[in-house]
Amino acid sequence: MTDLPDEIVSRGPGFLLSSIMDSRPHAAHLWFQVAAADGQVQMRTLAGRTAQANCRMRPAVTVLFPAVEEGGHSLIVDGEARVDEDDFVVISVVGAVLHRPAPVPGQQ
């Protein structure tokens, strides 16, 4: 978690994954600002109306940052979201993992 802010910034935009009212997933491709203090990492983004509504109703979200190079690791960040007074989605990170690439079928 200590390197997480730098890792997020180095990856560029990511996908905010939230749940719509009937529990189907919703993905939004967004840029994130990152702040860290006292061991807590927060991400902030200006999301659209659908993502904001989802975060208000179901605050458990995931942000996926795909691998930046072929064969690299993806970054998956889980968090609790809220919408602030400026309509930014603010995500308090609860966990993160660098995920290895999936094996290519037939090349195992």
C-alpha atoms as a PDB file:
ATOM      1  CA  MET A   1       0.000   0.000   0.000  1.00  0.00           C
ATOM      2  CA  THR A   2       2.915   2.403   0.504  1.00  0.00           C
ATOM      3  CA  ASP A   3       3.705   2.350  -3.233  1.00  0.00           C
ATOM      4  CA  LEU A   4       0.060   2.354  -4.304  1.00  0.00           C
ATOM      5  CA  PRO A   5      -0.292   6.114  -5.031  1.00  0.00           C
ATOM      6  CA  ASP A   6       2.735   6.055  -7.359  1.00  0.00           C
ATOM      7  CA  GLU A   7       1.513   2.841  -8.986  1.00  0.00           C
ATOM      8  CA  ILE A   8      -1.905   4.364  -9.714  1.00  0.00           C
ATOM      9  CA  VAL A   9      -0.467   7.581 -11.144  1.00  0.00           C
ATOM     10  CA  SER A  10       1.959   5.694 -13.392  1.00  0.00           C
ATOM     11  CA  ARG A  11      -0.865   3.761 -15.067  1.00  0.00           C
ATOM     12  CA  GLY A  12      -3.005   6.563 -16.470  1.00  0.00           C
ATOM     13  CA  PRO A  13      -6.777   6.101 -16.702  1.00  0.00           C
ATOM     14  CA  GLY A  14      -8.574   3.129 -15.196  1.00  0.00           C
ATOM     15  CA  PHE A  15     -12.020   1.565 -15.220  1.00  0.00           C
ATOM     16  CA  LEU A  16     -14.376   2.341 -12.334  1.00  0.00           C
ATOM     17  CA  LEU A  17     -16.568  -0.737 -11.875  1.00  0.00           C
ATOM     18  CA  SER A  18     -19.799  -0.133  -9.994  1.00  0.00           C
ATOM     19  CA  SER A  19     -23.209  -1.798  -9.811  1.00  0.00           C
ATOM     20  CA  ILE A  20     -26.371  -0.351 -11.287  1.00  0.00           C
ATOM     21  CA  MET A  21     -29.749  -0.644  -9.566  1.00  0.00           C
ATOM     22  CA  ASP A  22     -30.472  -4.177 -10.795  1.00  0.00           C
ATOM     23  CA  SER A  23     -26.953  -5.282  -9.746  1.00  0.00           C
ATOM     24  CA  ARG A  24     -25.532  -5.455 -13.268  1.00  0.00           C
ATOM     25  CA  PRO A  25     -21.998  -4.056 -13.597  1.00  0.00           C
ATOM     26  CA  HIS A  26     -21.255  -0.608 -14.998  1.00  0.00           C
ATOM     27  CA  ALA A  27     -17.791   0.408 -16.242  1.00  0.00           C
ATOM     28  CA  ALA A  28     -16.539   3.971 -16.697  1.00  0.00           C
ATOM     29  CA  HIS A  29     -13.101   4.801 -18.137  1.00  0.00           C
ATOM     30  CA  LEU A  30     -11.723   7.646 -15.994  1.00  0.00           C
ATOM     31  CA  TRP A  31      -8.635   9.511 -14.787  1.00  0.00           C
ATOM     32  CA  PHE A  32      -7.964   9.433 -11.042  1.00  0.00           C
ATOM     33  CA  GLN A  33      -6.250  11.837  -8.666  1.00  0.00           C
ATOM     34  CA  VAL A  34      -4.568  10.151  -5.699  1.00  0.00           C
ATOM     35  CA  ALA A  35      -3.852  11.260  -2.152  1.00  0.00           C
ATOM     36  CA  ALA A  36      -2.335   9.371   0.767  1.00  0.00           C
ATOM     37  CA  ALA A  37      -2.154  10.279   4.448  1.00  0.00           C
ATOM     38  CA  ASP A  38      -1.768   8.270   7.647  1.00  0.00           C
ATOM     39  CA  GLY A  39      -1.728   4.975   5.751  1.00  0.00           C
ATOM     40  CA  GLN A  40      -5.027   5.711   3.973  1.00  0.00           C
ATOM     41  CA  VAL A  41      -5.135   6.036   0.179  1.00  0.00           C
ATOM     42  CA  GLN A  42      -7.940   7.917  -1.545  1.00  0.00           C
ATOM     43  CA  MET A  43      -8.696   8.207  -5.239  1.00  0.00           C
ATOM     44  CA  ARG A  44     -10.824  11.005  -6.690  1.00  0.00           C
ATOM     45  CA  THR A  45     -12.451  11.256 -10.112  1.00  0.00           C
ATOM     46  CA  LEU A  46     -15.079  13.261 -11.927  1.00  0.00           C
ATOM     47  CA  ALA A  47     -17.473  10.504 -12.978  1.00  0.00           C
ATOM     48  CA  GLY A  48     -20.711  10.732 -14.932  1.00  0.00           C
ATOM     49  CA  ARG A  49     -24.241  10.669 -13.568  1.00  0.00           C
ATOM     50  CA  THR A  50     -24.650   6.887 -13.786  1.00  0.00           C
ATOM     51  CA  ALA A  51     -21.436   6.135 -11.896  1.00  0.00           C
ATOM     52  CA  GLN A  52     -22.291   8.780  -9.279  1.00  0.00           C
ATOM     53  CA  ALA A  53     -25.767   7.302  -8.753  1.00  0.00           C
ATOM     54  CA  ASN A  54     -24.302   3.801  -8.485  1.00  0.00           C
ATOM     55  CA  CYS A  55     -21.740   4.917  -5.893  1.00  0.00           C
ATOM     56  CA  ARG A  56     -24.439   6.584  -3.817  1.00  0.00           C
ATOM     57  CA  MET A  57     -26.580   3.416  -3.790  1.00  0.00           C
ATOM     58  CA  ARG A  58     -23.823   0.784  -3.675  1.00  0.00           C
ATOM     59  CA  PRO A  59     -20.542   2.224  -2.401  1.00  0.00           C
ATOM     60  CA  ALA A  60     -18.465  -0.959  -2.828  1.00  0.00           C
ATOM     61  CA  VAL A  61     -16.481  -0.421  -6.055  1.00  0.00           C
ATOM     62  CA  THR A  62     -13.445  -1.731  -7.896  1.00  0.00           C
ATOM     63  CA  VAL A  63     -11.044   0.181 -10.115  1.00  0.00           C
ATOM     64  CA  LEU A  64      -9.164  -1.805 -12.756  1.00  0.00           C
ATOM     65  CA  PHE A  65      -5.962  -0.483 -14.274  1.00  0.00           C
ATOM     66  CA  PRO A  66      -5.002  -2.780 -17.169  1.00  0.00           C
ATOM     67  CA  ALA A  67      -1.413  -3.822 -17.679  1.00  0.00           C
ATOM     68  CA  VAL A  68       0.605  -1.057 -19.334  1.00  0.00           C
ATOM     69  CA  GLU A  69       2.774  -3.477 -21.285  1.00  0.00           C
ATOM     70  CA  GLU A  70       2.234  -6.897 -22.803  1.00  0.00           C
ATOM     71  CA  GLY A  71       2.794  -9.552 -20.168  1.00  0.00           C
ATOM     72  CA  GLY A  72       2.631  -6.959 -17.377  1.00  0.00           C
ATOM     73  CA  HIS A  73       0.446  -7.026 -14.297  1.00  0.00           C
ATOM     74  CA  SER A  74      -2.945  -5.342 -14.008  1.00  0.00           C
ATOM     75  CA  LEU A  75      -3.721  -3.344 -10.873  1.00  0.00           C
ATOM     76  CA  ILE A  76      -7.049  -4.061  -9.161  1.00  0.00           C
ATOM     77  CA  VAL A  77      -8.124  -1.661  -6.400  1.00  0.00           C
ATOM     78  CA  ASP A  78     -11.148  -2.238  -4.150  1.00  0.00           C
ATOM     79  CA  GLY A  79     -12.712   0.590  -2.196  1.00  0.00           C
ATOM     80  CA  GLU A  80     -15.667   2.361  -0.643  1.00  0.00           C
ATOM     81  CA  ALA A  81     -16.992   5.258  -2.709  1.00  0.00           C
ATOM     82  CA  ARG A  82     -18.879   8.417  -1.868  1.00  0.00           C
ATOM     83  CA  VAL A  83     -19.847  11.450  -3.920  1.00  0.00           C
ATOM     84  CA  ASP A  84     -18.604  14.768  -2.513  1.00  0.00           C
ATOM     85  CA  GLU A  85     -20.199  18.218  -2.697  1.00  0.00           C
ATOM     86  CA  ASP A  86     -18.404  18.943  -6.005  1.00  0.00           C
ATOM     87  CA  ASP A  87     -19.797  15.769  -7.644  1.00  0.00           C
ATOM     88  CA  PHE A  88     -16.451  13.982  -7.520  1.00  0.00           C
ATOM     89  CA  VAL A  89     -16.453  10.293  -6.665  1.00  0.00           C
ATOM     90  CA  VAL A  90     -14.025   9.785  -3.770  1.00  0.00           C
ATOM     91  CA  ILE A  91     -12.860   6.218  -3.174  1.00  0.00           C
ATOM     92  CA  SER A  92     -11.249   5.121   0.086  1.00  0.00           C
ATOM     93  CA  VAL A  93      -9.031   2.181  -0.803  1.00  0.00           C
ATOM     94  CA  VAL A  94      -9.565  -0.987   1.237  1.00  0.00           C
ATOM     95  CA  GLY A  95      -7.311  -3.315  -0.770  1.00  0.00           C
ATOM     96  CA  ALA A  96      -5.235  -3.602  -3.916  1.00  0.00           C
ATOM     97  CA  VAL A  97      -3.447  -6.322  -5.831  1.00  0.00           C
ATOM     98  CA  LEU A  98      -1.152  -6.552  -8.837  1.00  0.00           C
ATOM     99  CA  HIS A  99      -2.684  -9.358 -10.888  1.00  0.00           C
ATOM    100  CA  ARG A 100      -0.560 -11.467 -13.220  1.00  0.00           C
ATOM    101  CA  PRO A 101      -1.655 -11.900 -16.827  1.00  0.00           C
ATOM    102  CA  ALA A 102      -3.881 -14.803 -17.739  1.00  0.00           C
ATOM    103  CA  PRO A 103      -2.124 -17.714 -19.417  1.00  0.00           C
ATOM    104  CA  VAL A 104      -2.612 -17.940 -23.170  1.00  0.00           C
ATOM    105  CA  PRO A 105      -4.557 -21.133 -24.003  1.00  0.00           C
ATOM    106  CA  GLY A 106      -2.274 -23.702 -25.585  1.00  0.00           C
ATOM    107  CA  GLN A 107       0.923 -21.971 -24.355  1.00  0.00           C
ATOM    108  CA  GLN A 108       1.052 -23.325 -20.824  1.00  0.00           C
END
